[in-house]
C-alpha cells in the first residue's frame, strides 16, 4: 500500500464515521483543558501558601533553596529578592 492509497482510505474512513473524529477531538480538548486547570489550581494553592510565608520570612524564617534532587543550592547561585 502506498501513501496515496493510505490517504484515500483514511479520508473514506473519516467520511464514513463522522461522529468518531468529532468525539476524539472533543476528548483531546477536554483532556488538555483538565491538565491546564489542574496546573492552575496547583500554582494557585502554592502561591496562597507561599505569599503569607514570604511576608513572615524576614522576621521569623530562614529560607534555603533545595534542588529537586535534595541537595542544597550554593548561596552564590541563589538570587536575593
PDB file of N, CA and C in Angstrom:
ATOM      1  N   UNK A   1       0.856  -1.177   0.000  1.00  0.00           N
ATOM      2  CA  UNK A   1       0.000   0.000   0.000  1.00  0.00           C
ATOM      3  C   UNK A   1       0.904   1.242   0.000  1.00  0.00           C
ATOM      4  N   UNK A   2       0.685   2.113  -0.949  1.00  0.00           N
ATOM      5  CA  UNK A   2       1.488   3.340  -0.974  1.00  0.00           C
ATOM      6  C   UNK A   2       0.789   4.446  -0.192  1.00  0.00           C
ATOM      7  N   UNK A   3       1.439   5.591  -0.120  1.00  0.00           N
ATOM      8  CA  UNK A   3       0.927   6.700   0.689  1.00  0.00           C
ATOM      9  C   UNK A   3      -0.393   7.232   0.142  1.00  0.00           C
ATOM     10  N   UNK A   4      -0.517   7.308  -1.151  1.00  0.00           N
ATOM     11  CA  UNK A   4      -1.745   7.810  -1.764  1.00  0.00           C
ATOM     12  C   UNK A   4      -2.958   6.959  -1.401  1.00  0.00           C
ATOM     13  N   UNK A   5      -2.792   5.655  -1.454  1.00  0.00           N
ATOM     14  CA  UNK A   5      -3.889   4.760  -1.096  1.00  0.00           C
ATOM     15  C   UNK A   5      -4.229   4.882   0.394  1.00  0.00           C
ATOM     16  N   UNK A   6      -3.207   5.046   1.220  1.00  0.00           N
ATOM     17  CA  UNK A   6      -3.446   5.191   2.662  1.00  0.00           C
ATOM     18  C   UNK A   6      -4.227   6.466   2.955  1.00  0.00           C
ATOM     19  N   UNK A   7      -3.887   7.550   2.271  1.00  0.00           N
ATOM     20  CA  UNK A   7      -4.597   8.820   2.474  1.00  0.00           C
ATOM     21  C   UNK A   7      -6.040   8.700   2.019  1.00  0.00           C
ATOM     22  N   UNK A   8      -6.258   8.089   0.886  1.00  0.00           N
ATOM     23  CA  UNK A   8      -7.623   7.927   0.375  1.00  0.00           C
ATOM     24  C   UNK A   8      -8.448   7.058   1.323  1.00  0.00           C
ATOM     25  N   UNK A   9      -7.856   5.973   1.811  1.00  0.00           N
ATOM     26  CA  UNK A   9      -8.576   5.095   2.730  1.00  0.00           C
ATOM     27  C   UNK A   9      -8.879   5.812   4.055  1.00  0.00           C
ATOM     28  N   UNK A  10      -7.942   6.617   4.540  1.00  0.00           N
ATOM     29  CA  UNK A  10      -8.173   7.364   5.776  1.00  0.00           C
ATOM     30  C   UNK A  10      -9.302   8.376   5.601  1.00  0.00           C
ATOM     31  N   UNK A  11      -9.327   9.074   4.481  1.00  0.00           N
ATOM     32  CA  UNK A  11     -10.389  10.050   4.219  1.00  0.00           C
ATOM     33  C   UNK A  11     -11.748   9.359   4.083  1.00  0.00           C
ATOM     34  N   UNK A  12     -11.776   8.212   3.426  1.00  0.00           N
ATOM     35  CA  UNK A  12     -13.034   7.466   3.313  1.00  0.00           C
ATOM     36  C   UNK A  12     -13.528   7.012   4.684  1.00  0.00           C
ATOM     37  N   UNK A  13     -12.613   6.592   5.530  1.00  0.00           N
ATOM     38  CA  UNK A  13     -12.982   6.172   6.881  1.00  0.00           C
ATOM     39  C   UNK A  13     -13.527   7.347   7.694  1.00  0.00           C
ATOM     40  N   UNK A  14     -12.900   8.511   7.553  1.00  0.00           N
ATOM     41  CA  UNK A  14     -13.381   9.699   8.265  1.00  0.00           C
ATOM     42  C   UNK A  14     -14.771  10.107   7.786  1.00  0.00           C
ATOM     43  N   UNK A  15     -15.010  10.015   6.495  1.00  0.00           N
ATOM     44  CA  UNK A  15     -16.316  10.385   5.959  1.00  0.00           C
ATOM     45  C   UNK A  15     -17.384   9.365   6.330  1.00  0.00           C
ATOM     46  N   UNK A  16     -17.008   8.082   6.465  1.00  0.00           N
ATOM     47  CA  UNK A  16     -17.980   7.051   6.822  1.00  0.00           C
ATOM     48  C   UNK A  16     -18.366   7.145   8.299  1.00  0.00           C
ATOM     49  N   UNK A  17     -17.432   7.481   9.157  1.00  0.00           N
ATOM     50  CA  UNK A  17     -17.677   7.576  10.600  1.00  0.00           C
ATOM     51  C   UNK A  17     -17.507   9.027  11.040  1.00  0.00           C
ATOM     52  N   UNK A  18     -18.514   9.840  10.814  1.00  0.00           N
ATOM     53  CA  UNK A  18     -18.390  11.275  11.081  1.00  0.00           C
ATOM     54  C   UNK A  18     -18.374  11.604  12.569  1.00  0.00           C
ATOM     55  N   UNK A  19     -18.989  10.799  13.391  1.00  0.00           N
ATOM     56  CA  UNK A  19     -19.055  11.080  14.813  1.00  0.00           C
ATOM     57  C   UNK A  19     -17.743  10.760  15.520  1.00  0.00           C
ATOM     58  N   UNK A  20     -17.054   9.733  15.084  1.00  0.00           N
ATOM     59  CA  UNK A  20     -15.836   9.288  15.754  1.00  0.00           C
ATOM     60  C   UNK A  20     -14.744  10.368  15.790  1.00  0.00           C
ATOM     61  N   UNK A  21     -14.401  11.034  14.687  1.00  0.00           N
ATOM     62  CA  UNK A  21     -13.361  12.068  14.769  1.00  0.00           C
ATOM     63  C   UNK A  21     -13.773  13.246  15.651  1.00  0.00           C
ATOM     64  N   UNK A  22     -15.056  13.580  15.608  1.00  0.00           N
ATOM     65  CA  UNK A  22     -15.528  14.681  16.446  1.00  0.00           C
ATOM     66  C   UNK A  22     -15.402  14.362  17.927  1.00  0.00           C
ATOM     67  N   UNK A  23     -15.762  13.138  18.310  1.00  0.00           N
ATOM     68  CA  UNK A  23     -15.639  12.731  19.702  1.00  0.00           C
ATOM     69  C   UNK A  23     -14.175  12.632  20.127  1.00  0.00           C
ATOM     70  N   UNK A  24     -13.322  12.195  19.213  1.00  0.00           N
ATOM     71  CA  UNK A  24     -11.897  12.122  19.523  1.00  0.00           C
ATOM     72  C   UNK A  24     -11.332  13.513  19.783  1.00  0.00           C
ATOM     73  N   UNK A  25     -11.666  14.463  18.938  1.00  0.00           N
ATOM     74  CA  UNK A  25     -11.195  15.839  19.121  1.00  0.00           C
ATOM     75  C   UNK A  25     -11.737  16.417  20.417  1.00  0.00           C
ATOM     76  N   UNK A  26     -13.018  16.142  20.711  1.00  0.00           N
ATOM     77  CA  UNK A  26     -13.620  16.617  21.948  1.00  0.00           C
ATOM     78  C   UNK A  26     -12.906  16.037  23.171  1.00  0.00           C
ATOM     79  N   UNK A  27     -12.556  14.759  23.128  1.00  0.00           N
ATOM     80  CA  UNK A  27     -11.833  14.133  24.223  1.00  0.00           C
ATOM     81  C   UNK A  27     -10.461  14.739  24.428  1.00  0.00           C
ATOM     82  N   UNK A  28      -9.764  15.029  23.347  1.00  0.00           N
ATOM     83  CA  UNK A  28      -8.443  15.651  23.449  1.00  0.00           C
ATOM     84  C   UNK A  28      -8.562  17.049  24.040  1.00  0.00           C
ATOM     85  N   UNK A  29      -9.537  17.819  23.595  1.00  0.00           N
ATOM     86  CA  UNK A  29      -9.728  19.179  24.110  1.00  0.00           C
ATOM     87  C   UNK A  29     -10.059  19.155  25.599  1.00  0.00           C
ATOM     88  N   UNK A  30     -10.946  18.253  26.009  1.00  0.00           N
ATOM     89  CA  UNK A  30     -11.312  18.151  27.429  1.00  0.00           C
ATOM     90  C   UNK A  30     -10.099  17.719  28.249  1.00  0.00           C
ATOM     91  N   UNK A  31      -9.313  16.784  27.750  1.00  0.00           N
ATOM     92  CA  UNK A  31      -8.122  16.328  28.467  1.00  0.00           C
ATOM     93  C   UNK A  31      -7.093  17.429  28.653  1.00  0.00           C
ATOM     94  N   UNK A  32      -6.829  18.186  27.598  1.00  0.00           N
ATOM     95  CA  UNK A  32      -5.870  19.287  27.692  1.00  0.00           C
ATOM     96  C   UNK A  32      -6.387  20.360  28.650  1.00  0.00           C
ATOM     97  N   UNK A  33      -7.673  20.662  28.584  1.00  0.00           N
ATOM     98  CA  UNK A  33      -8.253  21.655  29.490  1.00  0.00           C
ATOM     99  C   UNK A  33      -8.157  21.191  30.941  1.00  0.00           C
ATOM    100  N   UNK A  34      -8.339  19.898  31.188  1.00  0.00           N
ATOM    101  CA  UNK A  34      -8.236  19.374  32.550  1.00  0.00           C
ATOM    102  C   UNK A  34      -6.817  19.498  33.077  1.00  0.00           C
ATOM    103  N   UNK A  35      -5.838  19.212  32.250  1.00  0.00           N
ATOM    104  CA  UNK A  35      -4.440  19.339  32.679  1.00  0.00           C
ATOM    105  C   UNK A  35      -4.111  20.794  32.986  1.00  0.00           C
ATOM    106  N   UNK A  36      -4.531  21.714  32.132  1.00  0.00           N
ATOM    107  CA  UNK A  36      -4.275  23.139  32.365  1.00  0.00           C
ATOM    108  C   UNK A  36      -4.962  23.606  33.639  1.00  0.00           C
ATOM    109  N   UNK A  37      -6.188  23.159  33.871  1.00  0.00           N
ATOM    110  CA  UNK A  37      -6.911  23.542  35.089  1.00  0.00           C
ATOM    111  C   UNK A  37      -6.208  23.015  36.336  1.00  0.00           C
ATOM    112  N   UNK A  38      -5.729  21.781  36.309  1.00  0.00           N
ATOM    113  CA  UNK A  38      -5.039  21.215  37.469  1.00  0.00           C
ATOM    114  C   UNK A  38      -3.730  21.947  37.745  1.00  0.00           C
ATOM    115  N   UNK A  39      -3.017  22.332  36.705  1.00  0.00           N
ATOM    116  CA  UNK A  39      -1.789  23.112  36.896  1.00  0.00           C
ATOM    117  C   UNK A  39      -2.106  24.475  37.499  1.00  0.00           C
ATOM    118  N   UNK A  40      -3.179  25.098  37.053  1.00  0.00           N
ATOM    119  CA  UNK A  40      -3.573  26.398  37.591  1.00  0.00           C
ATOM    120  C   UNK A  40      -3.976  26.289  39.056  1.00  0.00           C
ATOM    121  N   UNK A  41      -4.707  25.236  39.402  1.00  0.00           N
ATOM    122  CA  UNK A  41      -5.113  25.034  40.796  1.00  0.00           C
ATOM    123  C   UNK A  41      -3.882  24.793  41.664  1.00  0.00           C
ATOM    124  N   UNK A  42      -2.950  23.990  41.185  1.00  0.00           N
ATOM    125  CA  UNK A  42      -1.720  23.725  41.936  1.00  0.00           C
ATOM    126  C   UNK A  42      -0.889  24.970  42.140  1.00  0.00           C
ATOM    127  N   UNK A  43      -0.752  25.786  41.112  1.00  0.00           N
ATOM    128  CA  UNK A  43       0.007  27.026  41.223  1.00  0.00           C
ATOM    129  C   UNK A  43      -0.685  28.002  42.170  1.00  0.00           C
ATOM    130  N   UNK A  44      -1.996  28.086  42.094  1.00  0.00           N
ATOM    131  CA  UNK A  44      -2.739  28.962  42.998  1.00  0.00           C
ATOM    132  C   UNK A  44      -2.609  28.534  44.444  1.00  0.00           C
ATOM    133  N   UNK A  45      -2.666  27.227  44.684  1.00  0.00           N
ATOM    134  CA  UNK A  45      -2.501  26.726  46.055  1.00  0.00           C
ATOM    135  C   UNK A  45      -1.094  27.004  46.569  1.00  0.00           C
ATOM    136  N   UNK A  46      -0.101  26.819  45.711  1.00  0.00           N
ATOM    137  CA  UNK A  46       1.279  27.087  46.112  1.00  0.00           C
ATOM    138  C   UNK A  46       1.460  28.563  46.440  1.00  0.00           C
ATOM    139  N   UNK A  47       0.894  29.433  45.633  1.00  0.00           N
ATOM    140  CA  UNK A  47       1.016  30.874  45.893  1.00  0.00           C
ATOM    141  C   UNK A  47       0.264  31.285  47.153  1.00  0.00           C
ATOM    142  N   UNK A  48      -0.896  30.670  47.395  1.00  0.00           N
ATOM    143  CA  UNK A  48      -1.661  31.041  48.583  1.00  0.00           C
ATOM    144  C   UNK A  48      -0.943  30.620  49.863  1.00  0.00           C
ATOM    145  N   UNK A  49      -0.072  29.626  49.772  1.00  0.00           N
ATOM    146  CA  UNK A  49       0.714  29.221  50.932  1.00  0.00           C
ATOM    147  C   UNK A  49       2.022  30.003  50.995  1.00  0.00           C
ATOM    148  N   UNK A  50       2.672  30.201  49.869  1.00  0.00           N
ATOM    149  CA  UNK A  50       4.000  30.829  49.841  1.00  0.00           C
ATOM    150  C   UNK A  50       3.965  32.315  50.175  1.00  0.00           C
ATOM    151  N   UNK A  51       2.979  33.047  49.684  1.00  0.00           N
ATOM    152  CA  UNK A  51       2.953  34.500  49.875  1.00  0.00           C
ATOM    153  C   UNK A  51       2.847  34.877  51.354  1.00  0.00           C
ATOM    154  N   UNK A  52       1.941  34.287  52.140  1.00  0.00           N
ATOM    155  CA  UNK A  52       1.929  34.629  53.568  1.00  0.00           C
ATOM    156  C   UNK A  52       3.231  34.249  54.278  1.00  0.00           C
ATOM    157  N   UNK A  53       3.857  33.149  53.865  1.00  0.00           N
ATOM    158  CA  UNK A  53       5.129  32.773  54.479  1.00  0.00           C
ATOM    159  C   UNK A  53       6.243  33.738  54.097  1.00  0.00           C
ATOM    160  N   UNK A  54       6.196  34.267  52.889  1.00  0.00           N
ATOM    161  CA  UNK A  54       7.214  35.232  52.458  1.00  0.00           C
ATOM    162  C   UNK A  54       7.080  36.538  53.230  1.00  0.00           C
ATOM    163  N   UNK A  55       5.866  36.884  53.637  1.00  0.00           N
ATOM    164  CA  UNK A  55       5.665  38.095  54.435  1.00  0.00           C
ATOM    165  C   UNK A  55       6.330  37.922  55.796  1.00  0.00           C
ATOM    166  N   UNK A  56       6.244  36.720  56.362  1.00  0.00           N
ATOM    167  CA  UNK A  56       6.844  36.443  57.663  1.00  0.00           C
ATOM    168  C   UNK A  56       8.336  36.136  57.574  1.00  0.00           C
ATOM    169  N   UNK A  57       8.824  35.816  56.403  1.00  0.00           N
ATOM    170  CA  UNK A  57      10.193  35.333  56.228  1.00  0.00           C
ATOM    171  C   UNK A  57      11.273  36.254  56.814  1.00  0.00           C
ATOM    172  N   UNK A  58      11.222  37.557  56.616  1.00  0.00           N
ATOM    173  CA  UNK A  58      12.317  38.383  57.130  1.00  0.00           C
ATOM    174  C   UNK A  58      12.432  38.360  58.657  1.00  0.00           C
ATOM    175  N   UNK A  59      11.341  38.113  59.363  1.00  0.00           N
ATOM    176  CA  UNK A  59      11.402  38.189  60.813  1.00  0.00           C
ATOM    177  C   UNK A  59      11.408  36.831  61.501  1.00  0.00           C
ATOM    178  N   UNK A  60      10.836  35.804  60.900  1.00  0.00           N
ATOM    179  CA  UNK A  60      10.662  34.542  61.599  1.00  0.00           C
ATOM    180  C   UNK A  60      11.332  33.334  60.951  1.00  0.00           C
ATOM    181  N   UNK A  61      11.562  33.367  59.659  1.00  0.00           N
ATOM    182  CA  UNK A  61      12.000  32.166  58.961  1.00  0.00           C
ATOM    183  C   UNK A  61      13.334  32.367  58.273  1.00  0.00           C
ATOM    184  N   UNK A  62      14.107  31.312  58.184  1.00  0.00           N
ATOM    185  CA  UNK A  62      15.335  31.298  57.400  1.00  0.00           C
ATOM    186  C   UNK A  62      15.094  30.373  56.219  1.00  0.00           C
ATOM    187  N   UNK A  63      15.128  30.912  55.015  1.00  0.00           N
ATOM    188  CA  UNK A  63      14.816  30.144  53.815  1.00  0.00           C
ATOM    189  C   UNK A  63      16.093  29.673  53.164  1.00  0.00           C
ATOM    190  N   UNK A  64      16.097  28.439  52.694  1.00  0.00           N
ATOM    191  CA  UNK A  64      17.227  27.889  51.952  1.00  0.00           C
ATOM    192  C   UNK A  64      16.654  27.089  50.793  1.00  0.00           C
ATOM    193  N   UNK A  65      17.038  27.437  49.571  1.00  0.00           N
ATOM    194  CA  UNK A  65      16.524  26.719  48.413  1.00  0.00           C
ATOM    195  C   UNK A  65      17.189  25.351  48.322  1.00  0.00           C
ATOM    196  N   UNK A  66      16.390  24.357  47.944  1.00  0.00           N
ATOM    197  CA  UNK A  66      16.886  22.997  47.793  1.00  0.00           C
ATOM    198  C   UNK A  66      16.516  22.531  46.388  1.00  0.00           C
ATOM    199  N   UNK A  67      17.473  21.899  45.725  1.00  0.00           N
ATOM    200  CA  UNK A  67      17.222  21.397  44.379  1.00  0.00           C
ATOM    201  C   UNK A  67      16.272  20.212  44.443  1.00  0.00           C
ATOM    202  N   UNK A  68      15.730  19.805  43.289  1.00  0.00           N
ATOM    203  CA  UNK A  68      14.766  18.716  43.247  1.00  0.00           C
ATOM    204  C   UNK A  68      15.382  17.386  43.661  1.00  0.00           C
ATOM    205  N   UNK A  69      16.709  17.267  43.575  1.00  0.00           N
ATOM    206  CA  UNK A  69      17.355  16.030  43.997  1.00  0.00           C
ATOM    207  C   UNK A  69      17.685  16.035  45.485  1.00  0.00           C
ATOM    208  N   UNK A  70      17.305  17.081  46.222  1.00  0.00           N
ATOM    209  CA  UNK A  70      17.502  17.142  47.661  1.00  0.00           C
ATOM    210  C   UNK A  70      18.771  17.835  48.095  1.00  0.00           C
ATOM    211  N   UNK A  71      19.630  18.208  47.157  1.00  0.00           N
ATOM    212  CA  UNK A  71      20.890  18.868  47.508  1.00  0.00           C
ATOM    213  C   UNK A  71      20.663  20.364  47.688  1.00  0.00           C
ATOM    214  N   UNK A  72      21.421  20.961  48.595  1.00  0.00           N
ATOM    215  CA  UNK A  72      21.308  22.399  48.814  1.00  0.00           C
ATOM    216  C   UNK A  72      21.948  23.140  47.645  1.00  0.00           C
ATOM    217  N   UNK A  73      21.331  24.264  47.269  1.00  0.00           N
ATOM    218  CA  UNK A  73      21.846  25.103  46.197  1.00  0.00           C
ATOM    219  C   UNK A  73      22.852  26.061  46.808  1.00  0.00           C
ATOM    220  N   UNK A  74      24.045  26.199  46.200  1.00  0.00           N
ATOM    221  CA  UNK A  74      25.047  27.123  46.754  1.00  0.00           C
ATOM    222  C   UNK A  74      24.507  28.552  46.807  1.00  0.00           C
ATOM    223  N   UNK A  75      24.900  29.295  47.824  1.00  0.00           N
ATOM    224  CA  UNK A  75      24.406  30.658  48.001  1.00  0.00           C
ATOM    225  C   UNK A  75      24.783  31.564  46.834  1.00  0.00           C
ATOM    226  N   UNK A  76      25.890  31.278  46.156  1.00  0.00           N
ATOM    227  CA  UNK A  76      26.314  32.125  45.044  1.00  0.00           C
ATOM    228  C   UNK A  76      25.352  32.049  43.875  1.00  0.00           C
ATOM    229  N   UNK A  77      24.578  30.936  43.737  1.00  0.00           N
ATOM    230  CA  UNK A  77      23.670  30.809  42.615  1.00  0.00           C
ATOM    231  C   UNK A  77      22.233  31.203  42.982  1.00  0.00           C
ATOM    232  N   UNK A  78      21.996  31.578  44.246  1.00  0.00           N
ATOM    233  CA  UNK A  78      20.671  31.989  44.675  1.00  0.00           C
ATOM    234  C   UNK A  78      20.581  33.508  44.625  1.00  0.00           C
ATOM    235  N   UNK A  79      19.571  34.012  43.911  1.00  0.00           N
ATOM    236  CA  UNK A  79      19.422  35.464  43.793  1.00  0.00           C
ATOM    237  C   UNK A  79      18.659  36.018  44.995  1.00  0.00           C
ATOM    238  N   UNK A  80      19.008  37.213  45.420  1.00  0.00           N
ATOM    239  CA  UNK A  80      18.296  37.878  46.515  1.00  0.00           C
ATOM    240  C   UNK A  80      17.052  38.548  45.979  1.00  0.00           C
ATOM    241  N   UNK A  81      15.956  38.452  46.730  1.00  0.00           N
ATOM    242  CA  UNK A  81      14.704  39.067  46.283  1.00  0.00           C
ATOM    243  C   UNK A  81      14.474  40.350  46.993  1.00  0.00           C
TER     244      UNK A  81
END
